[in-house]
PDB file of N, CA and C in Angstrom:
ATOM      1  N   MET A   1       0.394   9.102   1.609  1.00  0.00           N
ATOM      2  CA  MET A   1       0.585   7.952   2.462  1.00  0.00           C
ATOM      3  C   MET A   1       1.672   7.025   1.953  1.00  0.00           C
ATOM      4  N   PRO A   2       1.677   6.615   0.698  1.00  0.00           N
ATOM      5  CA  PRO A   2       2.656   5.616   0.277  1.00  0.00           C
ATOM      6  C   PRO A   2       4.112   6.049   0.357  1.00  0.00           C
ATOM      7  N   GLU A   3       4.417   7.308   0.000  1.00  0.00           N
ATOM      8  CA  GLU A   3       5.822   7.713  -0.065  1.00  0.00           C
ATOM      9  C   GLU A   3       6.541   7.570   1.268  1.00  0.00           C
ATOM     10  N   PRO A   4       6.024   8.145   2.352  1.00  0.00           N
ATOM     11  CA  PRO A   4       6.748   8.006   3.624  1.00  0.00           C
ATOM     12  C   PRO A   4       6.889   6.542   4.055  1.00  0.00           C
ATOM     13  N   PHE A   5       5.850   5.769   3.870  1.00  0.00           N
ATOM     14  CA  PHE A   5       5.901   4.369   4.269  1.00  0.00           C
ATOM     15  C   PHE A   5       6.904   3.600   3.427  1.00  0.00           C
ATOM     16  N   LEU A   6       6.889   3.817   2.119  1.00  0.00           N
ATOM     17  CA  LEU A   6       7.781   3.085   1.228  1.00  0.00           C
ATOM     18  C   LEU A   6       9.235   3.504   1.379  1.00  0.00           C
ATOM     19  N   SER A   7       9.466   4.676   1.949  1.00  0.00           N
ATOM     20  CA  SER A   7      10.841   5.114   2.151  1.00  0.00           C
ATOM     21  C   SER A   7      11.459   4.494   3.408  1.00  0.00           C
ATOM     22  N   LEU A   8      10.659   3.812   4.219  1.00  0.00           N
ATOM     23  CA  LEU A   8      11.173   3.133   5.412  1.00  0.00           C
ATOM     24  C   LEU A   8      11.993   1.913   4.997  1.00  0.00           C
ATOM     25  N   SER A   9      12.859   1.491   5.881  1.00  0.00           N
ATOM     26  CA  SER A   9      13.610   0.257   5.628  1.00  0.00           C
ATOM     27  C   SER A   9      12.638  -0.923   5.677  1.00  0.00           C
ATOM     28  N   SER A  10      13.046  -2.028   5.119  1.00  0.00           N
ATOM     29  CA  SER A  10      12.224  -3.233   5.119  1.00  0.00           C
ATOM     30  C   SER A  10      11.847  -3.644   6.546  1.00  0.00           C
ATOM     31  N   ALA A  11      12.811  -3.570   7.447  1.00  0.00           N
ATOM     32  CA  ALA A  11      12.555  -3.938   8.845  1.00  0.00           C
ATOM     33  C   ALA A  11      11.543  -2.993   9.483  1.00  0.00           C
ATOM     34  N   ASP A  12      11.643  -1.698   9.188  1.00  0.00           N
ATOM     35  CA  ASP A  12      10.699  -0.731   9.754  1.00  0.00           C
ATOM     36  C   ASP A  12       9.297  -0.911   9.181  1.00  0.00           C
ATOM     37  N   ARG A  13       9.206  -1.227   7.872  1.00  0.00           N
ATOM     38  CA  ARG A  13       7.889  -1.492   7.284  1.00  0.00           C
ATOM     39  C   ARG A  13       7.268  -2.724   7.926  1.00  0.00           C
ATOM     40  N   LYS A  14       8.078  -3.752   8.144  1.00  0.00           N
ATOM     41  CA  LYS A  14       7.580  -4.980   8.778  1.00  0.00           C
ATOM     42  C   LYS A  14       7.084  -4.681  10.192  1.00  0.00           C
ATOM     43  N   GLU A  15       7.836  -3.875  10.927  1.00  0.00           N
ATOM     44  CA  GLU A  15       7.434  -3.509  12.286  1.00  0.00           C
ATOM     45  C   GLU A  15       6.137  -2.696  12.281  1.00  0.00           C
ATOM     46  N   ALA A  16       6.023  -1.766  11.332  1.00  0.00           N
ATOM     47  CA  ALA A  16       4.806  -0.955  11.224  1.00  0.00           C
ATOM     48  C   ALA A  16       3.599  -1.830  10.904  1.00  0.00           C
ATOM     49  N   ARG A  17       3.777  -2.789  10.000  1.00  0.00           N
ATOM     50  CA  ARG A  17       2.680  -3.708   9.680  1.00  0.00           C
ATOM     51  C   ARG A  17       2.293  -4.561  10.884  1.00  0.00           C
ATOM     52  N   ALA A  18       3.285  -5.022  11.640  1.00  0.00           N
ATOM     53  CA  ALA A  18       3.004  -5.841  12.823  1.00  0.00           C
ATOM     54  C   ALA A  18       2.217  -5.035  13.846  1.00  0.00           C
ATOM     55  N   LEU A  19       2.591  -3.786  14.060  1.00  0.00           N
ATOM     56  CA  LEU A  19       1.880  -2.926  14.993  1.00  0.00           C
ATOM     57  C   LEU A  19       0.454  -2.678  14.516  1.00  0.00           C
ATOM     58  N   THR A  20       0.310  -2.387  13.226  1.00  0.00           N
ATOM     59  CA  THR A  20      -1.018  -2.157  12.653  1.00  0.00           C
ATOM     60  C   THR A  20      -1.863  -3.419  12.728  1.00  0.00           C
ATOM     61  N   ALA A  21      -1.267  -4.563  12.449  1.00  0.00           N
ATOM     62  CA  ALA A  21      -1.993  -5.838  12.535  1.00  0.00           C
ATOM     63  C   ALA A  21      -2.475  -6.072  13.961  1.00  0.00           C
ATOM     64  N   ASP A  22      -1.629  -5.791  14.915  1.00  0.00           N
ATOM     65  CA  ASP A  22      -1.992  -5.984  16.320  1.00  0.00           C
ATOM     66  C   ASP A  22      -3.147  -5.075  16.710  1.00  0.00           C
ATOM     67  N   ARG A  23      -3.099  -3.827  16.285  1.00  0.00           N
ATOM     68  CA  ARG A  23      -4.138  -2.863  16.662  1.00  0.00           C
ATOM     69  C   ARG A  23      -5.437  -3.062  15.893  1.00  0.00           C
ATOM     70  N   SER A  24      -5.342  -3.499  14.653  1.00  0.00           N
ATOM     71  CA  SER A  24      -6.539  -3.610  13.815  1.00  0.00           C
ATOM     72  C   SER A  24      -7.142  -5.004  13.804  1.00  0.00           C
ATOM     73  N   GLY A  25      -6.335  -5.996  14.173  1.00  0.00           N
ATOM     74  CA  GLY A  25      -6.821  -7.373  14.111  1.00  0.00           C
ATOM     75  C   GLY A  25      -6.737  -7.979  12.718  1.00  0.00           C
ATOM     76  N   ARG A  26      -6.183  -7.239  11.751  1.00  0.00           N
ATOM     77  CA  ARG A  26      -6.019  -7.759  10.392  1.00  0.00           C
ATOM     78  C   ARG A  26      -4.660  -8.417  10.280  1.00  0.00           C
ATOM     79  N   PRO A  27      -4.561  -9.520   9.548  1.00  0.00           N
ATOM     80  CA  PRO A  27      -3.269 -10.193   9.380  1.00  0.00           C
ATOM     81  C   PRO A  27      -2.260  -9.300   8.634  1.00  0.00           C
ATOM     82  N   ALA A  28      -1.005  -9.385   9.045  1.00  0.00           N
ATOM     83  CA  ALA A  28       0.046  -8.563   8.445  1.00  0.00           C
ATOM     84  C   ALA A  28       0.181  -8.820   6.945  1.00  0.00           C
ATOM     85  N   HIS A  29      -0.015 -10.072   6.498  1.00  0.00           N
ATOM     86  CA  HIS A  29       0.141 -10.344   5.068  1.00  0.00           C
ATOM     87  C   HIS A  29      -0.939  -9.634   4.244  1.00  0.00           C
ATOM     88  N   LEU A  30      -2.132  -9.426   4.811  1.00  0.00           N
ATOM     89  CA  LEU A  30      -3.160  -8.676   4.087  1.00  0.00           C
ATOM     90  C   LEU A  30      -2.831  -7.191   4.059  1.00  0.00           C
ATOM     91  N   LEU A  31      -2.233  -6.697   5.124  1.00  0.00           N
ATOM     92  CA  LEU A  31      -1.807  -5.300   5.136  1.00  0.00           C
ATOM     93  C   LEU A  31      -0.708  -5.066   4.104  1.00  0.00           C
ATOM     94  N   GLU A  32       0.180  -6.033   3.946  1.00  0.00           N
ATOM     95  CA  GLU A  32       1.235  -5.908   2.939  1.00  0.00           C
ATOM     96  C   GLU A  32       0.621  -5.891   1.542  1.00  0.00           C
ATOM     97  N   LYS A  33      -0.368  -6.726   1.314  1.00  0.00           N
ATOM     98  CA  LYS A  33      -1.057  -6.732   0.021  1.00  0.00           C
ATOM     99  C   LYS A  33      -1.686  -5.367  -0.241  1.00  0.00           C
ATOM    100  N   ASP A  34      -2.328  -4.794   0.786  1.00  0.00           N
ATOM    101  CA  ASP A  34      -2.940  -3.477   0.642  1.00  0.00           C
ATOM    102  C   ASP A  34      -1.890  -2.422   0.285  1.00  0.00           C
ATOM    103  N   ASP A  35      -0.725  -2.499   0.905  1.00  0.00           N
ATOM    104  CA  ASP A  35       0.362  -1.559   0.587  1.00  0.00           C
ATOM    105  C   ASP A  35       0.708  -1.632  -0.888  1.00  0.00           C
ATOM    106  N   ARG A  36       0.820  -2.842  -1.390  1.00  0.00           N
ATOM    107  CA  ARG A  36       1.211  -3.024  -2.795  1.00  0.00           C
ATOM    108  C   ARG A  36       0.121  -2.561  -3.756  1.00  0.00           C
ATOM    109  N   VAL A  37      -1.134  -2.778  -3.393  1.00  0.00           N
ATOM    110  CA  VAL A  37      -2.244  -2.327  -4.238  1.00  0.00           C
ATOM    111  C   VAL A  37      -2.265  -0.803  -4.304  1.00  0.00           C
ATOM    112  N   VAL A  38      -2.107  -0.148  -3.158  1.00  0.00           N
ATOM    113  CA  VAL A  38      -2.086   1.321  -3.127  1.00  0.00           C
ATOM    114  C   VAL A  38      -0.935   1.846  -3.971  1.00  0.00           C
ATOM    115  N   TRP A  39       0.247   1.243  -3.839  1.00  0.00           N
ATOM    116  CA  TRP A  39       1.403   1.670  -4.623  1.00  0.00           C
ATOM    117  C   TRP A  39       1.120   1.509  -6.119  1.00  0.00           C
ATOM    118  N   ALA A  40       0.575   0.355  -6.507  1.00  0.00           N
ATOM    119  CA  ALA A  40       0.311   0.094  -7.929  1.00  0.00           C
ATOM    120  C   ALA A  40      -0.711   1.083  -8.487  1.00  0.00           C
ATOM    121  N   LEU A  41      -1.790   1.318  -7.750  1.00  0.00           N
ATOM    122  CA  LEU A  41      -2.810   2.255  -8.233  1.00  0.00           C
ATOM    123  C   LEU A  41      -2.253   3.668  -8.340  1.00  0.00           C
ATOM    124  N   GLN A  42      -1.471   4.074  -7.355  1.00  0.00           N
ATOM    125  CA  GLN A  42      -0.878   5.405  -7.415  1.00  0.00           C
ATOM    126  C   GLN A  42       0.058   5.520  -8.622  1.00  0.00           C
ATOM    127  N   THR A  43       0.842   4.488  -8.869  1.00  0.00           N
ATOM    128  CA  THR A  43       1.764   4.496  -9.999  1.00  0.00           C
ATOM    129  C   THR A  43       1.007   4.582 -11.317  1.00  0.00           C
ATOM    130  N   PHE A  44      -0.030   3.765 -11.472  1.00  0.00           N
ATOM    131  CA  PHE A  44      -0.814   3.784 -12.709  1.00  0.00           C
ATOM    132  C   PHE A  44      -1.475   5.138 -12.937  1.00  0.00           C
ATOM    133  N   PHE A  45      -2.155   5.654 -11.907  1.00  0.00           N
ATOM    134  CA  PHE A  45      -2.941   6.859 -12.089  1.00  0.00           C
ATOM    135  C   PHE A  45      -2.114   8.136 -12.113  1.00  0.00           C
ATOM    136  N   SER A  46      -0.860   8.086 -11.706  1.00  0.00           N
ATOM    137  CA  SER A  46      -0.019   9.279 -11.797  1.00  0.00           C
ATOM    138  C   SER A  46       0.810   9.287 -13.077  1.00  0.00           C
ATOM    139  N   SER A  47       0.645   8.272 -13.914  1.00  0.00           N
ATOM    140  CA  SER A  47       1.343   8.235 -15.199  1.00  0.00           C
ATOM    141  C   SER A  47       0.444   8.834 -16.288  1.00  0.00           C
ATOM    142  N   GLU A  48       1.008   9.034 -17.468  1.00  0.00           N
ATOM    143  CA  GLU A  48       0.208   9.528 -18.598  1.00  0.00           C
ATOM    144  C   GLU A  48      -0.931   8.571 -18.908  1.00  0.00           C
ATOM    145  N   LEU A  49      -0.681   7.310 -18.736  1.00  0.00           N
ATOM    146  CA  LEU A  49      -1.708   6.292 -18.989  1.00  0.00           C
ATOM    147  C   LEU A  49      -2.901   6.478 -18.060  1.00  0.00           C
ATOM    148  N   GLY A  50      -2.673   7.037 -16.887  1.00  0.00           N
ATOM    149  CA  GLY A  50      -3.728   7.205 -15.897  1.00  0.00           C
ATOM    150  C   GLY A  50      -4.888   8.050 -16.361  1.00  0.00           C
ATOM    151  N   GLU A  51      -4.634   8.964 -17.295  1.00  0.00           N
ATOM    152  CA  GLU A  51      -5.709   9.795 -17.823  1.00  0.00           C
ATOM    153  C   GLU A  51      -6.760   8.960 -18.532  1.00  0.00           C
ATOM    154  N   HIS A  52      -6.394   7.774 -18.992  1.00  0.00           N
ATOM    155  CA  HIS A  52      -7.288   6.950 -19.774  1.00  0.00           C
ATOM    156  C   HIS A  52      -7.780   5.724 -19.013  1.00  0.00           C
ATOM    157  N   LEU A  53      -7.457   5.648 -17.732  1.00  0.00           N
ATOM    158  CA  LEU A  53      -7.856   4.496 -16.927  1.00  0.00           C
ATOM    159  C   LEU A  53      -9.061   4.819 -16.064  1.00  0.00           C
ATOM    160  N   VAL A  54      -9.845   3.802 -15.811  1.00  0.00           N
ATOM    161  CA  VAL A  54     -10.964   3.907 -14.883  1.00  0.00           C
ATOM    162  C   VAL A  54     -10.815   2.763 -13.901  1.00  0.00           C
ATOM    163  N   PHE A  55     -10.930   3.068 -12.625  1.00  0.00           N
ATOM    164  CA  PHE A  55     -10.835   2.039 -11.609  1.00  0.00           C
ATOM    165  C   PHE A  55     -12.229   1.676 -11.165  1.00  0.00           C
ATOM    166  N   LYS A  56     -12.542   0.389 -11.218  1.00  0.00           N
ATOM    167  CA  LYS A  56     -13.838  -0.096 -10.762  1.00  0.00           C
ATOM    168  C   LYS A  56     -13.571  -1.053  -9.611  1.00  0.00           C
ATOM    169  N   GLY A  57     -13.879  -0.635  -8.417  1.00  0.00           N
ATOM    170  CA  GLY A  57     -13.678  -1.491  -7.255  1.00  0.00           C
ATOM    171  C   GLY A  57     -14.825  -2.469  -7.100  1.00  0.00           C
ATOM    172  N   GLY A  58     -14.618  -3.374  -6.174  1.00  0.00           N
ATOM    173  CA  GLY A  58     -15.744  -4.270  -5.895  1.00  0.00           C
ATOM    174  C   GLY A  58     -15.403  -5.688  -5.818  1.00  0.00           C
TER     175      GLY A  58
END
């Protein structure tokens, strides 16, 4: 999920978030936060350090 989305231009990502916000009823700024969290978690867990990390949600 993150790679195709992150490869979009800034304007296209903004448009995609606006469309998703409209359809889901969630504010676009929260969707942007979710994008960044997914990117950060993917980056951490795909690194060598990821073998030693545990994610606790909640």
